Amino acid sequence: MSVKVTFVDNHTINIADDAQINAWNSSETIVANHEFHSNTVFSGSLQDNRVFGKADSATALRALLGSADWFSLKGEPKKVYKTSAILSLETV
């Protein structure tokens, strides 16, 4: 099973259950000249039961992307997606 992610510009990607996902949040350190950092919130796949329990793929991905600012897929390490640009998730 996979989840189709549609972005606001109508670009779509499919994320399979075994896809390796990296997700993180942006953060700003107010001290020291406004340094910007990212904090990893997840690195793994939707099949990682210790994280998502028995949730189906769409539910697990919705929870993950709802709590992260950015994500990338292992096969495309130079491409980064902004979660606020997501329009919809669909199980396919």
PDB file of N, CA and C in Angstrom:
ATOM      1  N   MET A   1       0.844  -1.168   0.000  1.00  0.00           N
ATOM      2  CA  MET A   1       0.000   0.000   0.000  1.00  0.00           C
ATOM      3  C   MET A   1       0.897   1.242   0.000  1.00  0.00           C
ATOM      4  N   SER A   2       0.412   2.323  -0.583  1.00  0.00           N
ATOM      5  CA  SER A   2       1.156   3.573  -0.561  1.00  0.00           C
ATOM      6  C   SER A   2       0.187   4.726  -0.376  1.00  0.00           C
ATOM      7  N   VAL A   3       0.762   5.881  -0.134  1.00  0.00           N
ATOM      8  CA  VAL A   3      -0.033   7.089   0.066  1.00  0.00           C
ATOM      9  C   VAL A   3       0.383   8.106  -0.986  1.00  0.00           C
ATOM     10  N   LYS A   4      -0.607   8.628  -1.684  1.00  0.00           N
ATOM     11  CA  LYS A   4      -0.364   9.671  -2.685  1.00  0.00           C
ATOM     12  C   LYS A   4      -0.446  11.017  -1.978  1.00  0.00           C
ATOM     13  N   VAL A   5       0.638  11.795  -2.079  1.00  0.00           N
ATOM     14  CA  VAL A   5       0.693  13.125  -1.479  1.00  0.00           C
ATOM     15  C   VAL A   5       0.537  14.139  -2.612  1.00  0.00           C
ATOM     16  N   THR A   6      -0.461  14.991  -2.504  1.00  0.00           N
ATOM     17  CA  THR A   6      -0.676  16.041  -3.492  1.00  0.00           C
ATOM     18  C   THR A   6      -0.348  17.383  -2.850  1.00  0.00           C
ATOM     19  N   PHE A   7       0.475  18.154  -3.551  1.00  0.00           N
ATOM     20  CA  PHE A   7       0.874  19.465  -3.056  1.00  0.00           C
ATOM     21  C   PHE A   7      -0.006  20.547  -3.678  1.00  0.00           C
ATOM     22  N   VAL A   8       0.055  21.745  -3.138  1.00  0.00           N
ATOM     23  CA  VAL A   8      -0.815  22.826  -3.595  1.00  0.00           C
ATOM     24  C   VAL A   8      -0.577  23.206  -5.056  1.00  0.00           C
ATOM     25  N   ASP A   9       0.585  22.877  -5.610  1.00  0.00           N
ATOM     26  CA  ASP A   9       0.852  23.166  -7.025  1.00  0.00           C
ATOM     27  C   ASP A   9       0.471  21.997  -7.934  1.00  0.00           C
ATOM     28  N   ASN A  10      -0.269  21.007  -7.379  1.00  0.00           N
ATOM     29  CA  ASN A  10      -0.727  19.791  -8.054  1.00  0.00           C
ATOM     30  C   ASN A  10       0.374  18.774  -8.332  1.00  0.00           C
ATOM     31  N   HIS A  11       1.594  19.008  -7.862  1.00  0.00           N
ATOM     32  CA  HIS A  11       2.653  18.004  -7.946  1.00  0.00           C
ATOM     33  C   HIS A  11       2.274  16.873  -6.993  1.00  0.00           C
ATOM     34  N   THR A  12       2.514  15.628  -7.404  1.00  0.00           N
ATOM     35  CA  THR A  12       2.198  14.491  -6.538  1.00  0.00           C
ATOM     36  C   THR A  12       3.413  13.586  -6.379  1.00  0.00           C
ATOM     37  N   ILE A  13       3.473  12.920  -5.239  1.00  0.00           N
ATOM     38  CA  ILE A  13       4.458  11.863  -5.005  1.00  0.00           C
ATOM     39  C   ILE A  13       3.721  10.719  -4.319  1.00  0.00           C
ATOM     40  N   ASN A  14       4.201   9.509  -4.520  1.00  0.00           N
ATOM     41  CA  ASN A  14       3.670   8.344  -3.817  1.00  0.00           C
ATOM     42  C   ASN A  14       4.705   7.896  -2.799  1.00  0.00           C
ATOM     43  N   ILE A  15       4.247   7.658  -1.583  1.00  0.00           N
ATOM     44  CA  ILE A  15       5.130   7.193  -0.524  1.00  0.00           C
ATOM     45  C   ILE A  15       4.690   5.789  -0.135  1.00  0.00           C
ATOM     46  N   ALA A  16       5.525   4.804  -0.438  1.00  0.00           N
ATOM     47  CA  ALA A  16       5.235   3.407  -0.106  1.00  0.00           C
ATOM     48  C   ALA A  16       5.487   3.164   1.380  1.00  0.00           C
ATOM     49  N   ASP A  17       4.868   2.100   1.904  1.00  0.00           N
ATOM     50  CA  ASP A  17       5.034   1.757   3.318  1.00  0.00           C
ATOM     51  C   ASP A  17       6.498   1.583   3.709  1.00  0.00           C
ATOM     52  N   ASP A  18       7.309   1.072   2.779  1.00  0.00           N
ATOM     53  CA  ASP A  18       8.706   0.802   3.119  1.00  0.00           C
ATOM     54  C   ASP A  18       9.660   1.936   2.733  1.00  0.00           C
ATOM     55  N   ALA A  19       9.121   3.060   2.273  1.00  0.00           N
ATOM     56  CA  ALA A  19       9.959   4.206   1.916  1.00  0.00           C
ATOM     57  C   ALA A  19      10.631   4.766   3.163  1.00  0.00           C
ATOM     58  N   GLN A  20      11.894   5.098   3.036  1.00  0.00           N
ATOM     59  CA  GLN A  20      12.629   5.700   4.145  1.00  0.00           C
ATOM     60  C   GLN A  20      12.382   7.204   4.130  1.00  0.00           C
ATOM     61  N   ILE A  21      11.818   7.695   5.221  1.00  0.00           N
ATOM     62  CA  ILE A  21      11.425   9.100   5.340  1.00  0.00           C
ATOM     63  C   ILE A  21      12.271   9.763   6.423  1.00  0.00           C
ATOM     64  N   ASN A  22      12.739  10.958   6.129  1.00  0.00           N
ATOM     65  CA  ASN A  22      13.387  11.789   7.133  1.00  0.00           C
ATOM     66  C   ASN A  22      12.518  13.017   7.306  1.00  0.00           C
ATOM     67  N   ALA A  23      12.213  13.361   8.543  1.00  0.00           N
ATOM     68  CA  ALA A  23      11.373  14.525   8.815  1.00  0.00           C
ATOM     69  C   ALA A  23      11.997  15.334   9.942  1.00  0.00           C
ATOM     70  N   TRP A  24      11.855  16.642   9.842  1.00  0.00           N
ATOM     71  CA  TRP A  24      12.433  17.485  10.873  1.00  0.00           C
ATOM     72  C   TRP A  24      11.659  18.792  11.000  1.00  0.00           C
ATOM     73  N   ASN A  25      11.917  19.471  12.105  1.00  0.00           N
ATOM     74  CA  ASN A  25      11.337  20.782  12.373  1.00  0.00           C
ATOM     75  C   ASN A  25      12.430  21.831  12.341  1.00  0.00           C
ATOM     76  N   SER A  26      12.084  22.999  11.904  1.00  0.00           N
ATOM     77  CA  SER A  26      13.014  24.120  11.914  1.00  0.00           C
ATOM     78  C   SER A  26      12.995  24.741  13.301  1.00  0.00           C
ATOM     79  N   SER A  27      14.130  25.274  13.710  1.00  0.00           N
ATOM     80  CA  SER A  27      14.181  25.972  14.989  1.00  0.00           C
ATOM     81  C   SER A  27      15.164  27.123  14.881  1.00  0.00           C
ATOM     82  N   GLU A  28      14.930  28.114  15.697  1.00  0.00           N
ATOM     83  CA  GLU A  28      15.790  29.283  15.712  1.00  0.00           C
ATOM     84  C   GLU A  28      16.340  29.459  17.109  1.00  0.00           C
ATOM     85  N   THR A  29      17.635  29.660  17.188  1.00  0.00           N
ATOM     86  CA  THR A  29      18.254  29.947  18.466  1.00  0.00           C
ATOM     87  C   THR A  29      18.336  31.468  18.577  1.00  0.00           C
ATOM     88  N   ILE A  30      17.602  32.029  19.505  1.00  0.00           N
ATOM     89  CA  ILE A  30      17.544  33.485  19.639  1.00  0.00           C
ATOM     90  C   ILE A  30      18.902  34.043  20.073  1.00  0.00           C
ATOM     91  N   VAL A  31      19.603  33.309  20.881  1.00  0.00           N
ATOM     92  CA  VAL A  31      20.928  33.726  21.310  1.00  0.00           C
ATOM     93  C   VAL A  31      21.885  33.576  20.132  1.00  0.00           C
ATOM     94  N   ALA A  32      22.915  34.307  20.083  1.00  0.00           N
ATOM     95  CA  ALA A  32      23.986  34.175  19.086  1.00  0.00           C
ATOM     96  C   ALA A  32      23.530  34.475  17.662  1.00  0.00           C
ATOM     97  N   ASN A  33      23.066  35.663  17.448  1.00  0.00           N
ATOM     98  CA  ASN A  33      22.777  36.156  16.099  1.00  0.00           C
ATOM     99  C   ASN A  33      21.750  35.342  15.312  1.00  0.00           C
ATOM    100  N   HIS A  34      20.725  34.906  15.936  1.00  0.00           N
ATOM    101  CA  HIS A  34      19.635  34.199  15.248  1.00  0.00           C
ATOM    102  C   HIS A  34      20.137  33.039  14.387  1.00  0.00           C
ATOM    103  N   GLU A  35      20.769  32.095  14.999  1.00  0.00           N
ATOM    104  CA  GLU A  35      21.213  30.894  14.280  1.00  0.00           C
ATOM    105  C   GLU A  35      20.010  29.997  14.022  1.00  0.00           C
ATOM    106  N   PHE A  36      19.979  29.398  12.854  1.00  0.00           N
ATOM    107  CA  PHE A  36      18.875  28.521  12.485  1.00  0.00           C
ATOM    108  C   PHE A  36      19.355  27.079  12.425  1.00  0.00           C
ATOM    109  N   HIS A  37      18.533  26.171  12.917  1.00  0.00           N
ATOM    110  CA  HIS A  37      18.870  24.759  12.984  1.00  0.00           C
ATOM    111  C   HIS A  37      17.654  23.931  12.599  1.00  0.00           C
ATOM    112  N   SER A  38      17.878  22.646  12.394  1.00  0.00           N
ATOM    113  CA  SER A  38      16.758  21.726  12.211  1.00  0.00           C
ATOM    114  C   SER A  38      16.913  20.581  13.196  1.00  0.00           C
ATOM    115  N   ASN A  39      15.800  20.117  13.708  1.00  0.00           N
ATOM    116  CA  ASN A  39      15.774  19.010  14.662  1.00  0.00           C
ATOM    117  C   ASN A  39      15.036  17.837  14.042  1.00  0.00           C
ATOM    118  N   THR A  40      15.706  16.703  13.927  1.00  0.00           N
ATOM    119  CA  THR A  40      15.084  15.514  13.362  1.00  0.00           C
ATOM    120  C   THR A  40      13.971  15.028  14.279  1.00  0.00           C
ATOM    121  N   VAL A  41      12.791  14.788  13.704  1.00  0.00           N
ATOM    122  CA  VAL A  41      11.673  14.246  14.471  1.00  0.00           C
ATOM    123  C   VAL A  41      11.387  12.799  14.087  1.00  0.00           C
ATOM    124  N   PHE A  42      11.878  12.367  12.911  1.00  0.00           N
ATOM    125  CA  PHE A  42      11.668  10.984  12.489  1.00  0.00           C
ATOM    126  C   PHE A  42      12.645  10.618  11.394  1.00  0.00           C
ATOM    127  N   SER A  43      13.112   9.389  11.454  1.00  0.00           N
ATOM    128  CA  SER A  43      13.932   8.815  10.395  1.00  0.00           C
ATOM    129  C   SER A  43      13.622   7.323  10.360  1.00  0.00           C
ATOM    130  N   GLY A  44      12.938   6.881   9.316  1.00  0.00           N
ATOM    131  CA  GLY A  44      12.542   5.479   9.218  1.00  0.00           C
ATOM    132  C   GLY A  44      11.451   5.319   8.180  1.00  0.00           C
ATOM    133  N   SER A  45      10.676   4.234   8.296  1.00  0.00           N
ATOM    134  CA  SER A  45       9.597   3.970   7.343  1.00  0.00           C
ATOM    135  C   SER A  45       8.265   3.846   8.077  1.00  0.00           C
ATOM    136  N   LEU A  46       7.182   3.858   7.305  1.00  0.00           N
ATOM    137  CA  LEU A  46       5.854   3.711   7.892  1.00  0.00           C
ATOM    138  C   LEU A  46       5.649   2.317   8.475  1.00  0.00           C
ATOM    139  N   GLN A  47       6.509   1.373   8.126  1.00  0.00           N
ATOM    140  CA  GLN A  47       6.421   0.018   8.661  1.00  0.00           C
ATOM    141  C   GLN A  47       7.039  -0.090  10.050  1.00  0.00           C
ATOM    142  N   ASP A  48       7.575   0.989  10.546  1.00  0.00           N
ATOM    143  CA  ASP A  48       8.242   1.002  11.846  1.00  0.00           C
ATOM    144  C   ASP A  48       7.191   0.937  12.957  1.00  0.00           C
ATOM    145  N   ASN A  49       6.788  -0.275  13.331  1.00  0.00           N
ATOM    146  CA  ASN A  49       5.688  -0.474  14.279  1.00  0.00           C
ATOM    147  C   ASN A  49       5.934   0.119  15.656  1.00  0.00           C
ATOM    148  N   ARG A  50       7.179   0.262  16.036  1.00  0.00           N
ATOM    149  CA  ARG A  50       7.433   0.809  17.369  1.00  0.00           C
ATOM    150  C   ARG A  50       7.032   2.277  17.451  1.00  0.00           C
ATOM    151  N   VAL A  51       6.907   2.921  16.307  1.00  0.00           N
ATOM    152  CA  VAL A  51       6.519   4.327  16.282  1.00  0.00           C
ATOM    153  C   VAL A  51       5.027   4.481  16.013  1.00  0.00           C
ATOM    154  N   PHE A  52       4.512   3.778  15.010  1.00  0.00           N
ATOM    155  CA  PHE A  52       3.146   4.003  14.555  1.00  0.00           C
ATOM    156  C   PHE A  52       2.142   2.964  15.035  1.00  0.00           C
ATOM    157  N   GLY A  53       2.591   1.931  15.710  1.00  0.00           N
ATOM    158  CA  GLY A  53       1.675   0.914  16.199  1.00  0.00           C
ATOM    159  C   GLY A  53       0.917   0.255  15.072  1.00  0.00           C
ATOM    160  N   LYS A  54      -0.376   0.135  15.205  1.00  0.00           N
ATOM    161  CA  LYS A  54      -1.197  -0.529  14.193  1.00  0.00           C
ATOM    162  C   LYS A  54      -1.877   0.447  13.239  1.00  0.00           C
ATOM    163  N   ALA A  55      -1.445   1.688  13.223  1.00  0.00           N
ATOM    164  CA  ALA A  55      -2.062   2.691  12.346  1.00  0.00           C
ATOM    165  C   ALA A  55      -1.841   2.330  10.883  1.00  0.00           C
ATOM    166  N   ASP A  56      -2.855   2.604  10.044  1.00  0.00           N
ATOM    167  CA  ASP A  56      -2.677   2.383   8.613  1.00  0.00           C
ATOM    168  C   ASP A  56      -1.736   3.458   8.070  1.00  0.00           C
ATOM    169  N   SER A  57      -1.270   3.271   6.844  1.00  0.00           N
ATOM    170  CA  SER A  57      -0.261   4.149   6.264  1.00  0.00           C
ATOM    171  C   SER A  57      -0.692   5.616   6.217  1.00  0.00           C
ATOM    172  N   ALA A  58      -1.909   5.865   5.772  1.00  0.00           N
ATOM    173  CA  ALA A  58      -2.381   7.249   5.662  1.00  0.00           C
ATOM    174  C   ALA A  58      -2.448   7.917   7.030  1.00  0.00           C
ATOM    175  N   THR A  59      -2.913   7.189   8.031  1.00  0.00           N
ATOM    176  CA  THR A  59      -3.006   7.740   9.386  1.00  0.00           C
ATOM    177  C   THR A  59      -1.620   8.030   9.939  1.00  0.00           C
ATOM    178  N   ALA A  60      -0.701   7.085   9.749  1.00  0.00           N
ATOM    179  CA  ALA A  60       0.667   7.271  10.237  1.00  0.00           C
ATOM    180  C   ALA A  60       1.335   8.451   9.547  1.00  0.00           C
ATOM    181  N   LEU A  61       1.177   8.548   8.233  1.00  0.00           N
ATOM    182  CA  LEU A  61       1.791   9.644   7.491  1.00  0.00           C
ATOM    183  C   LEU A  61       1.152  10.980   7.866  1.00  0.00           C
ATOM    184  N   ARG A  62      -0.152  10.981   8.068  1.00  0.00           N
ATOM    185  CA  ARG A  62      -0.848  12.204   8.482  1.00  0.00           C
ATOM    186  C   ARG A  62      -0.312  12.685   9.837  1.00  0.00           C
ATOM    187  N   ALA A  63      -0.113  11.761  10.761  1.00  0.00           N
ATOM    188  CA  ALA A  63       0.420  12.125  12.072  1.00  0.00           C
ATOM    189  C   ALA A  63       1.844  12.659  11.958  1.00  0.00           C
ATOM    190  N   LEU A  64       2.655  11.981  11.162  1.00  0.00           N
ATOM    191  CA  LEU A  64       4.047  12.405  11.004  1.00  0.00           C
ATOM    192  C   LEU A  64       4.140  13.762  10.331  1.00  0.00           C
ATOM    193  N   LEU A  65       3.493  13.923   9.186  1.00  0.00           N
ATOM    194  CA  LEU A  65       3.605  15.171   8.439  1.00  0.00           C
ATOM    195  C   LEU A  65       2.878  16.324   9.117  1.00  0.00           C
ATOM    196  N   GLY A  66       1.916  16.007   9.960  1.00  0.00           N
ATOM    197  CA  GLY A  66       1.229  17.047  10.719  1.00  0.00           C
ATOM    198  C   GLY A  66       2.076  17.624  11.832  1.00  0.00           C
ATOM    199  N   SER A  67       3.126  16.916  12.211  1.00  0.00           N
ATOM    200  CA  SER A  67       3.969  17.394  13.302  1.00  0.00           C
ATOM    201  C   SER A  67       5.369  17.807  12.846  1.00  0.00           C
ATOM    202  N   ALA A  68       5.645  17.718  11.554  1.00  0.00           N
ATOM    203  CA  ALA A  68       6.961  18.079  11.025  1.00  0.00           C
ATOM    204  C   ALA A  68       6.849  19.278  10.086  1.00  0.00           C
ATOM    205  N   ASP A  69       7.930  20.033   9.971  1.00  0.00           N
ATOM    206  CA  ASP A  69       7.960  21.172   9.046  1.00  0.00           C
ATOM    207  C   ASP A  69       8.424  20.764   7.654  1.00  0.00           C
ATOM    208  N   TRP A  70       9.341  19.830   7.578  1.00  0.00           N
ATOM    209  CA  TRP A  70       9.977  19.420   6.326  1.00  0.00           C
ATOM    210  C   TRP A  70      10.124  17.911   6.293  1.00  0.00           C
ATOM    211  N   PHE A  71      10.179  17.319   5.076  1.00  0.00           N
ATOM    212  CA  PHE A  71      10.504  15.901   4.966  1.00  0.00           C
ATOM    213  C   PHE A  71      11.213  15.638   3.647  1.00  0.00           C
ATOM    214  N   SER A  72      11.926  14.527   3.623  1.00  0.00           N
ATOM    215  CA  SER A  72      12.594  14.072   2.403  1.00  0.00           C
ATOM    216  C   SER A  72      12.496  12.552   2.347  1.00  0.00           C
ATOM    217  N   LEU A  73      12.709  12.005   1.161  1.00  0.00           N
ATOM    218  CA  LEU A  73      12.687  10.561   0.958  1.00  0.00           C
ATOM    219  C   LEU A  73      14.100  10.099   0.650  1.00  0.00           C
ATOM    220  N   LYS A  74      14.444   8.907   1.114  1.00  0.00           N
ATOM    221  CA  LYS A  74      15.812   8.416   0.970  1.00  0.00           C
ATOM    222  C   LYS A  74      16.281   8.397  -0.480  1.00  0.00           C
ATOM    223  N   GLY A  75      15.421   8.045  -1.416  1.00  0.00           N
ATOM    224  CA  GLY A  75      15.805   7.972  -2.822  1.00  0.00           C
ATOM    225  C   GLY A  75      16.047   9.327  -3.470  1.00  0.00           C
ATOM    226  N   GLU A  76      15.628  10.374  -2.796  1.00  0.00           N
ATOM    227  CA  GLU A  76      15.781  11.729  -3.317  1.00  0.00           C
ATOM    228  C   GLU A  76      16.357  12.635  -2.229  1.00  0.00           C
ATOM    229  N   PRO A  77      17.599  12.381  -1.801  1.00  0.00           N
ATOM    230  CA  PRO A  77      18.140  13.111  -0.647  1.00  0.00           C
ATOM    231  C   PRO A  77      18.316  14.606  -0.863  1.00  0.00           C
ATOM    232  N   LYS A  78      18.384  15.053  -2.107  1.00  0.00           N
ATOM    233  CA  LYS A  78      18.568  16.481  -2.368  1.00  0.00           C
ATOM    234  C   LYS A  78      17.245  17.226  -2.520  1.00  0.00           C
ATOM    235  N   LYS A  79      16.131  16.496  -2.526  1.00  0.00           N
ATOM    236  CA  LYS A  79      14.813  17.118  -2.657  1.00  0.00           C
ATOM    237  C   LYS A  79      14.151  17.126  -1.282  1.00  0.00           C
ATOM    238  N   VAL A  80      13.714  18.294  -0.879  1.00  0.00           N
ATOM    239  CA  VAL A  80      13.101  18.477   0.431  1.00  0.00           C
ATOM    240  C   VAL A  80      11.712  19.066   0.217  1.00  0.00           C
ATOM    241  N   TYR A  81      10.732  18.546   0.946  1.00  0.00           N
ATOM    242  CA  TYR A  81       9.351  18.990   0.808  1.00  0.00           C
ATOM    243  C   TYR A  81       8.911  19.737   2.069  1.00  0.00           C
ATOM    244  N   LYS A  82       8.205  20.841   1.889  1.00  0.00           N
ATOM    245  CA  LYS A  82       7.645  21.608   2.995  1.00  0.00           C
ATOM    246  C   LYS A  82       6.256  21.067   3.285  1.00  0.00           C
ATOM    247  N   THR A  83       6.012  20.641   4.513  1.00  0.00           N
ATOM    248  CA  THR A  83       4.735  20.009   4.827  1.00  0.00           C
ATOM    249  C   THR A  83       3.553  20.965   4.716  1.00  0.00           C
ATOM    250  N   SER A  84       3.774  22.265   4.889  1.00  0.00           N
ATOM    251  CA  SER A  84       2.664  23.205   4.768  1.00  0.00           C
ATOM    252  C   SER A  84       2.186  23.358   3.328  1.00  0.00           C
ATOM    253  N   ALA A  85       2.932  22.810   2.376  1.00  0.00           N
ATOM    254  CA  ALA A  85       2.535  22.844   0.952  1.00  0.00           C
ATOM    255  C   ALA A  85       1.696  21.632   0.558  1.00  0.00           C
ATOM    256  N   ILE A  86       1.391  20.756   1.509  1.00  0.00           N
ATOM    257  CA  ILE A  86       0.594  19.560   1.217  1.00  0.00           C
ATOM    258  C   ILE A  86      -0.885  19.934   1.168  1.00  0.00           C
ATOM    259  N   LEU A  87      -1.547  19.512   0.097  1.00  0.00           N
ATOM    260  CA  LEU A  87      -2.974  19.738  -0.062  1.00  0.00           C
ATOM    261  C   LEU A  87      -3.778  18.546   0.425  1.00  0.00           C
ATOM    262  N   SER A  88      -3.325  17.318   0.074  1.00  0.00           N
ATOM    263  CA  SER A  88      -4.083  16.131   0.473  1.00  0.00           C
ATOM    264  C   SER A  88      -3.216  14.877   0.512  1.00  0.00           C
ATOM    265  N   LEU A  89      -3.716  13.884   1.238  1.00  0.00           N
ATOM    266  CA  LEU A  89      -3.129  12.542   1.299  1.00  0.00           C
ATOM    267  C   LEU A  89      -4.223  11.559   0.901  1.00  0.00           C
ATOM    268  N   GLU A  90      -3.854  10.584   0.075  1.00  0.00           N
ATOM    269  CA  GLU A  90      -4.827   9.617  -0.412  1.00  0.00           C
ATOM    270  C   GLU A  90      -4.196   8.229  -0.428  1.00  0.00           C
ATOM    271  N   THR A  91      -4.867   7.259   0.163  1.00  0.00           N
ATOM    272  CA  THR A  91      -4.384   5.879   0.120  1.00  0.00           C
ATOM    273  C   THR A  91      -4.613   5.341  -1.286  1.00  0.00           C
ATOM    274  N   VAL A  92      -3.558   4.775  -1.884  1.00  0.00           N
ATOM    275  CA  VAL A  92      -3.684   4.205  -3.227  1.00  0.00           C
ATOM    276  C   VAL A  92      -3.249   2.754  -3.241  1.00  0.00           C
TER     277      VAL A  92
END
